[in-house]
Amino acid sequence: MEQFSISQEDAVQKMLQKLTTLWRTRAAVNQDIPVYAELAFDASKRDFSESLLPFRDHDAWLQAPEAIRSACLSYAWGIYNLKTIYIECDVVTPACEDIIKTPPASNNRALLQDVMSEALLDEALHTRMSVMACNYIYDHRQLVPLDFTDFNLVQWRRQQLTSCGAEWERRLTRFAIACASETLITDYLKTMAEDTSIQPICHEVTRTHAVDEWSHSSVFSFSAMDIIRGLSEKEREYFRRTVRKTVEMFANNELGAWQAVFNLIGMPHGADILHDTGDSNEVGVYTDSVERLIDRIGLSGAASTLSLPSHTAATGRHGKGMTL
């Protein structure tokens, strides 16, 4: 079991306190959120950043009629928001609830519950923003809403939990997948958060979400530090392995969702696009982010040396060794 020096423990505590202070002034839930229905709709603007499409360079996509391409980008916004809703509700929220309901044995017990409850409020708002913004686009484009539930990350998480043989494995699985997801989503959000050429509501919702998630990434890092020091080497390896496994699922192209979209819009050569695209997209980018996370929290080597992150991007959760 890793022992913190007093200076390290103080630093983690001070950073969690700083993050919860920043949350009061920076988190979207504490701001005046615009009434999305009142935002101006620009029919000439696309609803999603084309650079994020997994098949953006496929000849069939490049040669598709403009109306089909426009509808596809609108549904890309739908897929993004539906996946966001599932991640917030089924991946991140349960991890927050673990710490709120049964916090780790830690000197930071109350502080951890505080930052986790703040994060839980954030996730509820992100879910609401996604629902409203998604329906806004469906209404203005007069599109049939996408009905899809089988996202690979959520399915895989469910399978991982089912295969767990002990409660400590289930608890670490929930936290590790949420921790990785909160780190990985910042990479995904960055493009649209900075893309002012897309539909104003799509840019604004993504930008607002990104500000909170950049915060959450730091919170999870510091929370993981507190948790990791209370784990055995076996438990640390389990946590590290689960975090790394999450990358492939997070980067999955969700071809099942795209098949449903192609069926709705009548995408020419849709089957060829899906066949040629494959499951994984830019795994290297996400792998780099997760490896940086593993390094920050002290799990990059066989003997863990906890090191404090040099950045403070975040809003937060978690704490000191989980009760296993």
C-alpha atoms as a PDB file:
ATOM      1  CA  MET A   1       0.000   0.000   0.000  1.00  0.00           C
ATOM      2  CA  GLU A   2       1.459   3.352  -1.086  1.00  0.00           C
ATOM      3  CA  GLN A   3       2.142   5.917   1.599  1.00  0.00           C
ATOM      4  CA  PHE A   4       1.785   9.598   0.779  1.00  0.00           C
ATOM      5  CA  SER A   5       4.202  12.081   2.237  1.00  0.00           C
ATOM      6  CA  ILE A   6       2.516  14.822   4.222  1.00  0.00           C
ATOM      7  CA  SER A   7       3.331  17.300   1.462  1.00  0.00           C
ATOM      8  CA  GLN A   8       1.714  15.081  -1.189  1.00  0.00           C
ATOM      9  CA  GLU A   9      -1.395  14.544   0.905  1.00  0.00           C
ATOM     10  CA  ASP A  10      -1.660  18.260   1.582  1.00  0.00           C
ATOM     11  CA  ALA A  11      -1.235  19.023  -2.117  1.00  0.00           C
ATOM     12  CA  VAL A  12      -4.036  16.648  -3.131  1.00  0.00           C
ATOM     13  CA  GLN A  13      -6.315  18.080  -0.471  1.00  0.00           C
ATOM     14  CA  LYS A  14      -5.552  21.661  -1.471  1.00  0.00           C
ATOM     15  CA  MET A  15      -6.139  20.915  -5.144  1.00  0.00           C
ATOM     16  CA  LEU A  16      -9.501  19.259  -4.456  1.00  0.00           C
ATOM     17  CA  GLN A  17     -10.463  22.297  -2.388  1.00  0.00           C
ATOM     18  CA  LYS A  18      -9.347  24.581  -5.219  1.00  0.00           C
ATOM     19  CA  LEU A  19     -11.360  22.623  -7.754  1.00  0.00           C
ATOM     20  CA  THR A  20     -14.532  22.778  -5.683  1.00  0.00           C
ATOM     21  CA  THR A  21     -14.023  26.528  -5.250  1.00  0.00           C
ATOM     22  CA  LEU A  22     -13.610  26.962  -9.003  1.00  0.00           C
ATOM     23  CA  TRP A  23     -16.722  24.867  -9.593  1.00  0.00           C
ATOM     24  CA  ARG A  24     -18.859  27.508  -7.861  1.00  0.00           C
ATOM     25  CA  THR A  25     -17.863  30.129 -10.411  1.00  0.00           C
ATOM     26  CA  ARG A  26     -17.002  28.142 -13.545  1.00  0.00           C
ATOM     27  CA  ALA A  27     -19.331  25.147 -13.819  1.00  0.00           C
ATOM     28  CA  ALA A  28     -22.096  25.474 -16.402  1.00  0.00           C
ATOM     29  CA  VAL A  29     -24.724  24.479 -13.851  1.00  0.00           C
ATOM     30  CA  ASN A  30     -23.986  27.710 -11.987  1.00  0.00           C
ATOM     31  CA  GLN A  31     -24.299  29.911 -15.070  1.00  0.00           C
ATOM     32  CA  ASP A  32     -27.245  31.277 -17.016  1.00  0.00           C
ATOM     33  CA  ILE A  33     -27.809  28.607 -19.652  1.00  0.00           C
ATOM     34  CA  PRO A  34     -29.352  30.021 -22.843  1.00  0.00           C
ATOM     35  CA  VAL A  35     -32.833  28.995 -23.909  1.00  0.00           C
ATOM     36  CA  TYR A  36     -31.845  26.850 -26.861  1.00  0.00           C
ATOM     37  CA  ALA A  37     -35.229  27.105 -28.577  1.00  0.00           C
ATOM     38  CA  GLU A  38     -34.635  30.851 -28.878  1.00  0.00           C
ATOM     39  CA  LEU A  39     -31.225  30.555 -30.547  1.00  0.00           C
ATOM     40  CA  ALA A  40     -31.127  31.480 -34.217  1.00  0.00           C
ATOM     41  CA  PHE A  41     -31.016  28.514 -36.584  1.00  0.00           C
ATOM     42  CA  ASP A  42     -28.789  28.814 -39.659  1.00  0.00           C
ATOM     43  CA  ALA A  43     -29.884  26.270 -42.262  1.00  0.00           C
ATOM     44  CA  SER A  44     -26.716  26.877 -44.276  1.00  0.00           C
ATOM     45  CA  LYS A  45     -24.433  25.696 -41.470  1.00  0.00           C
ATOM     46  CA  ARG A  46     -23.644  22.069 -40.801  1.00  0.00           C
ATOM     47  CA  ASP A  47     -24.589  20.528 -37.486  1.00  0.00           C
ATOM     48  CA  PHE A  48     -21.413  18.569 -36.845  1.00  0.00           C
ATOM     49  CA  SER A  49     -17.691  18.850 -37.589  1.00  0.00           C
ATOM     50  CA  GLU A  50     -17.043  16.746 -40.691  1.00  0.00           C
ATOM     51  CA  SER A  51     -13.473  16.067 -39.550  1.00  0.00           C
ATOM     52  CA  LEU A  52     -14.887  13.845 -36.770  1.00  0.00           C
ATOM     53  CA  LEU A  53     -16.698  11.482 -39.146  1.00  0.00           C
ATOM     54  CA  PRO A  54     -14.898   8.114 -39.205  1.00  0.00           C
ATOM     55  CA  PHE A  55     -15.562   7.802 -42.963  1.00  0.00           C
ATOM     56  CA  ARG A  56     -14.786  11.415 -43.891  1.00  0.00           C
ATOM     57  CA  ASP A  57     -12.253  10.397 -46.571  1.00  0.00           C
ATOM     58  CA  HIS A  58     -14.296   7.576 -48.136  1.00  0.00           C
ATOM     59  CA  ASP A  59     -15.073   8.117 -51.820  1.00  0.00           C
ATOM     60  CA  ALA A  60     -18.754   7.219 -51.364  1.00  0.00           C
ATOM     61  CA  TRP A  61     -19.089   9.913 -48.710  1.00  0.00           C
ATOM     62  CA  LEU A  62     -17.272  12.523 -50.774  1.00  0.00           C
ATOM     63  CA  GLN A  63     -19.504  11.779 -53.790  1.00  0.00           C
ATOM     64  CA  ALA A  64     -22.812  11.639 -51.894  1.00  0.00           C
ATOM     65  CA  PRO A  65     -25.507  14.257 -52.706  1.00  0.00           C
ATOM     66  CA  GLU A  66     -25.323  17.393 -50.582  1.00  0.00           C
ATOM     67  CA  ALA A  67     -28.747  16.771 -49.021  1.00  0.00           C
ATOM     68  CA  ILE A  68     -27.624  13.309 -47.893  1.00  0.00           C
ATOM     69  CA  ARG A  69     -24.362  14.694 -46.490  1.00  0.00           C
ATOM     70  CA  SER A  70     -26.234  17.398 -44.592  1.00  0.00           C
ATOM     71  CA  ALA A  71     -28.678  14.895 -43.079  1.00  0.00           C
ATOM     72  CA  CYS A  72     -25.800  12.596 -42.175  1.00  0.00           C
ATOM     73  CA  LEU A  73     -24.036  15.395 -40.283  1.00  0.00           C
ATOM     74  CA  SER A  74     -27.272  16.192 -38.448  1.00  0.00           C
ATOM     75  CA  TYR A  75     -27.551  12.566 -37.396  1.00  0.00           C
ATOM     76  CA  ALA A  76     -23.878  12.611 -36.411  1.00  0.00           C
ATOM     77  CA  TRP A  77     -24.935  15.271 -33.912  1.00  0.00           C
ATOM     78  CA  GLY A  78     -27.664  12.881 -32.790  1.00  0.00           C
ATOM     79  CA  ILE A  79     -25.230   9.979 -32.333  1.00  0.00           C
ATOM     80  CA  TYR A  80     -22.812  12.182 -30.419  1.00  0.00           C
ATOM     81  CA  ASN A  81     -25.524  13.386 -28.047  1.00  0.00           C
ATOM     82  CA  LEU A  82     -27.088   9.966 -27.525  1.00  0.00           C
ATOM     83  CA  LYS A  83     -23.682   8.499 -26.694  1.00  0.00           C
ATOM     84  CA  THR A  84     -23.033  11.428 -24.364  1.00  0.00           C
ATOM     85  CA  ILE A  85     -26.310  10.765 -22.563  1.00  0.00           C
ATOM     86  CA  TYR A  86     -25.439   7.099 -22.093  1.00  0.00           C
ATOM     87  CA  ILE A  87     -21.928   7.894 -20.854  1.00  0.00           C
ATOM     88  CA  GLU A  88     -23.205  10.485 -18.395  1.00  0.00           C
ATOM     89  CA  CYS A  89     -26.043   8.297 -17.080  1.00  0.00           C
ATOM     90  CA  ASP A  90     -24.585   4.791 -17.264  1.00  0.00           C
ATOM     91  CA  VAL A  91     -20.830   5.322 -16.876  1.00  0.00           C
ATOM     92  CA  VAL A  92     -20.001   8.490 -14.939  1.00  0.00           C
ATOM     93  CA  THR A  93     -23.016   8.842 -12.644  1.00  0.00           C
ATOM     94  CA  PRO A  94     -22.623   5.379 -11.022  1.00  0.00           C
ATOM     95  CA  ALA A  95     -18.961   6.138 -10.266  1.00  0.00           C
ATOM     96  CA  CYS A  96     -19.971   9.407  -8.612  1.00  0.00           C
ATOM     97  CA  GLU A  97     -22.638   7.607  -6.614  1.00  0.00           C
ATOM     98  CA  ASP A  98     -20.114   5.045  -5.323  1.00  0.00           C
ATOM     99  CA  ILE A  99     -18.065   7.798  -3.693  1.00  0.00           C
ATOM    100  CA  ILE A 100     -21.053   9.787  -2.472  1.00  0.00           C
ATOM    101  CA  LYS A 101     -22.800   6.791  -0.907  1.00  0.00           C
ATOM    102  CA  THR A 102     -19.784   4.909   0.444  1.00  0.00           C
ATOM    103  CA  PRO A 103     -16.760   7.218   0.407  1.00  0.00           C
ATOM    104  CA  PRO A 104     -13.248   5.802   0.833  1.00  0.00           C
ATOM    105  CA  ALA A 105     -11.596   5.800   4.236  1.00  0.00           C
ATOM    106  CA  SER A 106      -9.779   9.081   3.744  1.00  0.00           C
ATOM    107  CA  ASN A 107      -8.903  12.283   5.526  1.00  0.00           C
ATOM    108  CA  ASN A 108     -10.623  13.893   2.547  1.00  0.00           C
ATOM    109  CA  ARG A 109     -13.861  11.956   3.032  1.00  0.00           C
ATOM    110  CA  ALA A 110     -16.224  14.955   3.203  1.00  0.00           C
ATOM    111  CA  LEU A 111     -14.349  16.837   0.484  1.00  0.00           C
ATOM    112  CA  LEU A 112     -14.573  13.845  -1.840  1.00  0.00           C
ATOM    113  CA  GLN A 113     -18.322  13.603  -1.302  1.00  0.00           C
ATOM    114  CA  ASP A 114     -18.562  17.340  -1.962  1.00  0.00           C
ATOM    115  CA  VAL A 115     -16.727  17.313  -5.292  1.00  0.00           C
ATOM    116  CA  MET A 116     -18.535  14.153  -6.396  1.00  0.00           C
ATOM    117  CA  SER A 117     -21.928  15.682  -5.726  1.00  0.00           C
ATOM    118  CA  GLU A 118     -20.846  18.733  -7.727  1.00  0.00           C
ATOM    119  CA  ALA A 119     -19.825  16.485 -10.595  1.00  0.00           C
ATOM    120  CA  LEU A 120     -23.146  14.680 -10.396  1.00  0.00           C
ATOM    121  CA  LEU A 121     -24.951  17.992 -10.852  1.00  0.00           C
ATOM    122  CA  ASP A 122     -22.759  18.729 -13.863  1.00  0.00           C
ATOM    123  CA  GLU A 123     -23.561  15.390 -15.468  1.00  0.00           C
ATOM    124  CA  ALA A 124     -27.296  15.913 -15.000  1.00  0.00           C
ATOM    125  CA  LEU A 125     -27.029  19.276 -16.755  1.00  0.00           C
ATOM    126  CA  HIS A 126     -24.939  17.808 -19.583  1.00  0.00           C
ATOM    127  CA  THR A 127     -27.623  15.175 -20.099  1.00  0.00           C
ATOM    128  CA  ARG A 128     -30.330  17.834 -20.248  1.00  0.00           C
ATOM    129  CA  MET A 129     -28.278  19.970 -22.653  1.00  0.00           C
ATOM    130  CA  SER A 130     -27.788  16.989 -24.967  1.00  0.00           C
ATOM    131  CA  VAL A 131     -31.486  16.138 -24.961  1.00  0.00           C
ATOM    132  CA  MET A 132     -32.542  19.707 -25.764  1.00  0.00           C
ATOM    133  CA  ALA A 133     -29.847  20.383 -28.342  1.00  0.00           C
ATOM    134  CA  CYS A 134     -30.450  17.083 -30.120  1.00  0.00           C
ATOM    135  CA  ASN A 135     -34.205  17.649 -30.379  1.00  0.00           C
ATOM    136  CA  TYR A 136     -33.582  21.230 -31.533  1.00  0.00           C
ATOM    137  CA  ILE A 137     -31.727  19.928 -34.597  1.00  0.00           C
ATOM    138  CA  TYR A 138     -34.274  17.180 -35.297  1.00  0.00           C
ATOM    139  CA  ASP A 139     -37.084  19.758 -35.187  1.00  0.00           C
ATOM    140  CA  HIS A 140     -35.399  22.335 -37.410  1.00  0.00           C
ATOM    141  CA  ARG A 141     -34.182  19.754 -39.942  1.00  0.00           C
ATOM    142  CA  GLN A 142     -37.516  17.881 -39.782  1.00  0.00           C
ATOM    143  CA  LEU A 143     -35.744  14.579 -39.203  1.00  0.00           C
ATOM    144  CA  VAL A 144     -37.022  11.389 -37.604  1.00  0.00           C
ATOM    145  CA  PRO A 145     -35.167  11.115 -34.254  1.00  0.00           C
ATOM    146  CA  LEU A 146     -32.546   8.392 -34.120  1.00  0.00           C
ATOM    147  CA  ASP A 147     -33.578   5.535 -31.845  1.00  0.00           C
ATOM    148  CA  PHE A 148     -30.420   3.653 -30.856  1.00  0.00           C
ATOM    149  CA  THR A 149     -29.327   2.126 -27.558  1.00  0.00           C
ATOM    150  CA  ASP A 150     -26.511  -0.361 -28.227  1.00  0.00           C
ATOM    151  CA  PHE A 151     -23.416   1.800 -27.804  1.00  0.00           C
ATOM    152  CA  ASN A 152     -20.282  -0.308 -27.605  1.00  0.00           C
ATOM    153  CA  LEU A 153     -18.737   1.407 -24.580  1.00  0.00           C
ATOM    154  CA  VAL A 154     -21.884   0.854 -22.511  1.00  0.00           C
ATOM    155  CA  GLN A 155     -22.286  -2.761 -23.678  1.00  0.00           C
ATOM    156  CA  TRP A 156     -18.642  -3.535 -22.942  1.00  0.00           C
ATOM    157  CA  ARG A 157     -18.867  -1.951 -19.484  1.00  0.00           C
ATOM    158  CA  ARG A 158     -21.899  -4.089 -18.711  1.00  0.00           C
ATOM    159  CA  GLN A 159     -20.014  -7.217 -19.787  1.00  0.00           C
ATOM    160  CA  GLN A 160     -16.993  -6.259 -17.684  1.00  0.00           C
ATOM    161  CA  LEU A 161     -19.137  -5.815 -14.589  1.00  0.00           C
ATOM    162  CA  THR A 162     -20.917  -9.119 -15.197  1.00  0.00           C
ATOM    163  CA  SER A 163     -17.571 -10.924 -15.382  1.00  0.00           C
ATOM    164  CA  CYS A 164     -16.355  -9.476 -12.070  1.00  0.00           C
ATOM    165  CA  GLY A 165     -16.069 -12.056  -9.303  1.00  0.00           C
ATOM    166  CA  ALA A 166     -15.836  -9.695  -6.332  1.00  0.00           C
ATOM    167  CA  GLU A 167     -17.287  -6.364  -5.240  1.00  0.00           C
ATOM    168  CA  TRP A 168     -13.851  -4.705  -5.210  1.00  0.00           C
ATOM    169  CA  GLU A 169     -13.499  -5.589  -8.897  1.00  0.00           C
ATOM    170  CA  ARG A 170     -16.921  -4.144  -9.721  1.00  0.00           C
ATOM    171  CA  ARG A 171     -16.177  -0.952  -7.812  1.00  0.00           C
ATOM    172  CA  LEU A 172     -12.767  -0.479  -9.417  1.00  0.00           C
ATOM    173  CA  THR A 173     -14.235  -1.298 -12.847  1.00  0.00           C
ATOM    174  CA  ARG A 174     -16.879   1.411 -12.466  1.00  0.00           C
ATOM    175  CA  PHE A 175     -14.312   3.983 -11.362  1.00  0.00           C
ATOM    176  CA  ALA A 176     -11.617   3.058 -13.897  1.00  0.00           C
ATOM    177  CA  ILE A 177     -13.990   3.228 -16.891  1.00  0.00           C
ATOM    178  CA  ALA A 178     -15.439   6.534 -15.692  1.00  0.00           C
ATOM    179  CA  CYS A 179     -11.977   7.922 -15.010  1.00  0.00           C
ATOM    180  CA  ALA A 180     -10.773   7.008 -18.498  1.00  0.00           C
ATOM    181  CA  SER A 181     -13.976   8.296 -20.136  1.00  0.00           C
ATOM    182  CA  GLU A 182     -13.733  11.682 -18.415  1.00  0.00           C
ATOM    183  CA  THR A 183     -10.172  11.996 -19.717  1.00  0.00           C
ATOM    184  CA  LEU A 184     -10.908  10.768 -23.239  1.00  0.00           C
ATOM    185  CA  ILE A 185     -13.988  12.914 -23.799  1.00  0.00           C
ATOM    186  CA  THR A 186     -11.918  16.105 -23.590  1.00  0.00           C
ATOM    187  CA  ASP A 187     -10.066  15.066 -26.766  1.00  0.00           C
ATOM    188  CA  TYR A 188     -13.335  14.401 -28.566  1.00  0.00           C
ATOM    189  CA  LEU A 189     -15.012  17.622 -27.471  1.00  0.00           C
ATOM    190  CA  LYS A 190     -12.092  19.859 -28.408  1.00  0.00           C
ATOM    191  CA  THR A 191     -12.771  19.912 -32.154  1.00  0.00           C
ATOM    192  CA  MET A 192     -16.402  21.030 -31.980  1.00  0.00           C
ATOM    193  CA  ALA A 193     -15.775  23.285 -28.992  1.00  0.00           C
ATOM    194  CA  GLU A 194     -13.399  25.273 -31.206  1.00  0.00           C
ATOM    195  CA  ASP A 195     -15.319  24.953 -34.487  1.00  0.00           C
ATOM    196  CA  THR A 196     -17.289  28.164 -34.972  1.00  0.00           C
ATOM    197  CA  SER A 197     -18.305  27.148 -38.508  1.00  0.00           C
ATOM    198  CA  ILE A 198     -20.928  24.658 -37.283  1.00  0.00           C
ATOM    199  CA  GLN A 199     -24.483  25.399 -36.139  1.00  0.00           C
ATOM    200  CA  PRO A 200     -24.379  27.935 -33.245  1.00  0.00           C
ATOM    201  CA  ILE A 201     -26.264  25.693 -30.821  1.00  0.00           C
ATOM    202  CA  CYS A 202     -23.990  22.730 -31.612  1.00  0.00           C
ATOM    203  CA  HIS A 203     -20.873  24.796 -31.024  1.00  0.00           C
ATOM    204  CA  GLU A 204     -22.234  26.423 -27.861  1.00  0.00           C
ATOM    205  CA  VAL A 205     -23.444  23.196 -26.245  1.00  0.00           C
ATOM    206  CA  THR A 206     -20.154  21.448 -26.995  1.00  0.00           C
ATOM    207  CA  ARG A 207     -18.099  24.387 -25.742  1.00  0.00           C
ATOM    208  CA  THR A 208     -20.092  24.529 -22.496  1.00  0.00           C
ATOM    209  CA  HIS A 209     -19.738  20.787 -22.026  1.00  0.00           C
ATOM    210  CA  ALA A 210     -16.007  20.929 -22.769  1.00  0.00           C
ATOM    211  CA  VAL A 211     -15.338  23.532 -20.065  1.00  0.00           C
ATOM    212  CA  ASP A 212     -16.834  21.224 -17.436  1.00  0.00           C
ATOM    213  CA  GLU A 213     -15.154  18.089 -18.772  1.00  0.00           C
ATOM    214  CA  TRP A 214     -11.714  19.682 -18.803  1.00  0.00           C
ATOM    215  CA  SER A 215     -12.382  20.300 -15.126  1.00  0.00           C
ATOM    216  CA  HIS A 216     -13.626  16.770 -14.532  1.00  0.00           C
ATOM    217  CA  SER A 217     -10.470  15.316 -16.045  1.00  0.00           C
ATOM    218  CA  SER A 218      -8.339  16.999 -13.385  1.00  0.00           C
ATOM    219  CA  VAL A 219     -10.732  16.062 -10.618  1.00  0.00           C
ATOM    220  CA  PHE A 220     -10.626  12.421 -11.587  1.00  0.00           C
ATOM    221  CA  SER A 221      -6.834  12.533 -11.722  1.00  0.00           C
ATOM    222  CA  PHE A 222      -6.529  13.850  -8.171  1.00  0.00           C
ATOM    223  CA  SER A 223      -9.254  11.537  -6.933  1.00  0.00           C
ATOM    224  CA  ALA A 224      -7.475   8.587  -8.516  1.00  0.00           C
ATOM    225  CA  MET A 225      -4.284   9.550  -6.686  1.00  0.00           C
ATOM    226  CA  ASP A 226      -6.094   9.353  -3.397  1.00  0.00           C
ATOM    227  CA  ILE A 227      -7.642   6.014  -4.317  1.00  0.00           C
ATOM    228  CA  ILE A 228      -4.522   4.393  -5.771  1.00  0.00           C
ATOM    229  CA  ARG A 229      -2.455   4.748  -2.595  1.00  0.00           C
ATOM    230  CA  GLY A 230      -4.926   2.522  -0.738  1.00  0.00           C
ATOM    231  CA  LEU A 231      -4.729  -0.327  -3.275  1.00  0.00           C
ATOM    232  CA  SER A 232      -2.596  -3.446  -3.382  1.00  0.00           C
ATOM    233  CA  GLU A 233      -0.366  -4.079  -6.407  1.00  0.00           C
ATOM    234  CA  LYS A 234      -2.930  -6.576  -7.700  1.00  0.00           C
ATOM    235  CA  GLU A 235      -5.683  -3.975  -7.459  1.00  0.00           C
ATOM    236  CA  ARG A 236      -3.507  -1.301  -9.081  1.00  0.00           C
ATOM    237  CA  GLU A 237      -2.756  -3.570 -12.011  1.00  0.00           C
ATOM    238  CA  TYR A 238      -6.462  -4.330 -12.374  1.00  0.00           C
ATOM    239  CA  PHE A 239      -7.240  -0.593 -12.396  1.00  0.00           C
ATOM    240  CA  ARG A 240      -4.477   0.190 -14.899  1.00  0.00           C
ATOM    241  CA  ARG A 241      -5.561  -2.641 -17.202  1.00  0.00           C
ATOM    242  CA  THR A 242      -9.210  -1.529 -17.151  1.00  0.00           C
ATOM    243  CA  VAL A 243      -8.298   2.082 -17.922  1.00  0.00           C
ATOM    244  CA  ARG A 244      -6.285   0.959 -20.943  1.00  0.00           C
ATOM    245  CA  LYS A 245      -9.049  -1.352 -22.171  1.00  0.00           C
ATOM    246  CA  THR A 246     -11.479   1.574 -22.114  1.00  0.00           C
ATOM    247  CA  VAL A 247      -9.563   3.341 -24.895  1.00  0.00           C
ATOM    248  CA  GLU A 248     -10.594   0.899 -27.611  1.00  0.00           C
ATOM    249  CA  MET A 249     -14.247   1.035 -26.620  1.00  0.00           C
ATOM    250  CA  PHE A 250     -14.294   4.816 -26.347  1.00  0.00           C
ATOM    251  CA  ALA A 251     -12.679   5.193 -29.781  1.00  0.00           C
ATOM    252  CA  ASN A 252     -15.113   2.722 -31.341  1.00  0.00           C
ATOM    253  CA  ASN A 253     -16.774   4.072 -34.479  1.00  0.00           C
ATOM    254  CA  GLU A 254     -20.232   2.863 -33.375  1.00  0.00           C
ATOM    255  CA  LEU A 255     -20.981   1.326 -36.770  1.00  0.00           C
ATOM    256  CA  GLY A 256     -24.282  -0.020 -35.470  1.00  0.00           C
ATOM    257  CA  ALA A 257     -25.492   3.538 -34.928  1.00  0.00           C
ATOM    258  CA  TRP A 258     -24.220   4.562 -38.358  1.00  0.00           C
ATOM    259  CA  GLN A 259     -25.999   1.646 -39.996  1.00  0.00           C
ATOM    260  CA  ALA A 260     -29.247   2.853 -38.398  1.00  0.00           C
ATOM    261  CA  VAL A 261     -28.572   6.371 -39.727  1.00  0.00           C
ATOM    262  CA  PHE A 262     -27.728   5.158 -43.236  1.00  0.00           C
ATOM    263  CA  ASN A 263     -30.995   3.219 -43.281  1.00  0.00           C
ATOM    264  CA  LEU A 264     -32.924   6.351 -42.304  1.00  0.00           C
ATOM    265  CA  ILE A 265     -31.383   8.643 -44.928  1.00  0.00           C
ATOM    266  CA  GLY A 266     -30.795   6.151 -47.742  1.00  0.00           C
ATOM    267  CA  MET A 267     -27.026   6.662 -47.892  1.00  0.00           C
ATOM    268  CA  PRO A 268     -25.699   5.495 -51.280  1.00  0.00           C
ATOM    269  CA  HIS A 269     -23.188   2.666 -50.873  1.00  0.00           C
ATOM    270  CA  GLY A 270     -23.725   2.763 -47.113  1.00  0.00           C
ATOM    271  CA  ALA A 271     -22.787  -0.902 -46.701  1.00  0.00           C
ATOM    272  CA  ASP A 272     -19.485  -0.295 -48.476  1.00  0.00           C
ATOM    273  CA  ILE A 273     -18.705   2.674 -46.247  1.00  0.00           C
ATOM    274  CA  LEU A 274     -19.322   0.629 -43.093  1.00  0.00           C
ATOM    275  CA  HIS A 275     -17.311  -2.317 -44.391  1.00  0.00           C
ATOM    276  CA  ASP A 276     -14.336  -0.160 -45.330  1.00  0.00           C
ATOM    277  CA  THR A 277     -14.388   2.026 -42.216  1.00  0.00           C
ATOM    278  CA  GLY A 278     -13.877  -0.591 -39.519  1.00  0.00           C
ATOM    279  CA  ASP A 279     -14.495  -0.330 -35.796  1.00  0.00           C
ATOM    280  CA  SER A 280     -11.685   1.808 -34.402  1.00  0.00           C
ATOM    281  CA  ASN A 281     -10.911   5.453 -35.067  1.00  0.00           C
ATOM    282  CA  GLU A 282      -7.785   7.360 -33.981  1.00  0.00           C
ATOM    283  CA  VAL A 283      -7.037   4.965 -31.127  1.00  0.00           C
ATOM    284  CA  GLY A 284      -3.503   6.367 -30.982  1.00  0.00           C
ATOM    285  CA  VAL A 285      -4.755   9.805 -29.966  1.00  0.00           C
ATOM    286  CA  TYR A 286      -6.844   8.383 -27.141  1.00  0.00           C
ATOM    287  CA  THR A 287      -4.094   5.972 -26.069  1.00  0.00           C
ATOM    288  CA  ASP A 288      -1.710   8.889 -25.592  1.00  0.00           C
ATOM    289  CA  SER A 289      -4.220  10.656 -23.362  1.00  0.00           C
ATOM    290  CA  VAL A 290      -4.807   7.606 -21.182  1.00  0.00           C
ATOM    291  CA  GLU A 291      -1.093   6.889 -20.874  1.00  0.00           C
ATOM    292  CA  ARG A 292      -0.599  10.470 -19.670  1.00  0.00           C
ATOM    293  CA  LEU A 293      -3.367   9.894 -17.122  1.00  0.00           C
ATOM    294  CA  ILE A 294      -1.750   6.657 -15.927  1.00  0.00           C
ATOM    295  CA  ASP A 295       1.589   8.431 -15.618  1.00  0.00           C
ATOM    296  CA  ARG A 296       0.104  11.377 -13.688  1.00  0.00           C
ATOM    297  CA  ILE A 297      -1.545   9.212 -11.069  1.00  0.00           C
ATOM    298  CA  GLY A 298       1.568   7.106 -10.564  1.00  0.00           C
ATOM    299  CA  LEU A 299       0.740   3.837 -12.333  1.00  0.00           C
ATOM    300  CA  SER A 300       3.120   3.949 -15.288  1.00  0.00           C
ATOM    301  CA  GLY A 301       5.757   1.770 -13.646  1.00  0.00           C
ATOM    302  CA  ALA A 302       5.788  -1.392 -11.564  1.00  0.00           C
ATOM    303  CA  ALA A 303       6.424   0.587  -8.399  1.00  0.00           C
ATOM    304  CA  SER A 304       3.983   3.456  -8.206  1.00  0.00           C
ATOM    305  CA  THR A 305       5.412   6.873  -7.477  1.00  0.00           C
ATOM    306  CA  LEU A 306       2.553   9.315  -7.150  1.00  0.00           C
ATOM    307  CA  SER A 307       3.117  12.611  -8.922  1.00  0.00           C
ATOM    308  CA  LEU A 308       0.880  15.624  -8.944  1.00  0.00           C
ATOM    309  CA  PRO A 309      -0.537  16.871 -12.264  1.00  0.00           C
ATOM    310  CA  SER A 310       0.939  20.156 -13.367  1.00  0.00           C
ATOM    311  CA  HIS A 311      -2.392  21.404 -14.731  1.00  0.00           C
ATOM    312  CA  THR A 312      -5.758  22.221 -13.186  1.00  0.00           C
ATOM    313  CA  ALA A 313      -8.240  21.746 -15.975  1.00  0.00           C
ATOM    314  CA  ALA A 314     -11.154  20.599 -13.854  1.00  0.00           C
ATOM    315  CA  THR A 315     -14.276  19.912 -11.733  1.00  0.00           C
ATOM    316  CA  GLY A 316     -14.324  16.835  -9.736  1.00  0.00           C
ATOM    317  CA  ARG A 317     -14.692  13.704  -7.738  1.00  0.00           C
ATOM    318  CA  HIS A 318     -13.027  10.770  -5.835  1.00  0.00           C
ATOM    319  CA  GLY A 319     -10.609  10.182  -3.114  1.00  0.00           C
ATOM    320  CA  LYS A 320      -8.317   8.112  -1.055  1.00  0.00           C
ATOM    321  CA  GLY A 321      -8.199   4.293  -1.216  1.00  0.00           C
ATOM    322  CA  MET A 322     -11.500   2.675  -1.945  1.00  0.00           C
ATOM    323  CA  THR A 323     -13.034   0.523   0.745  1.00  0.00           C
ATOM    324  CA  LEU A 324     -12.343  -2.881  -0.794  1.00  0.00           C
END
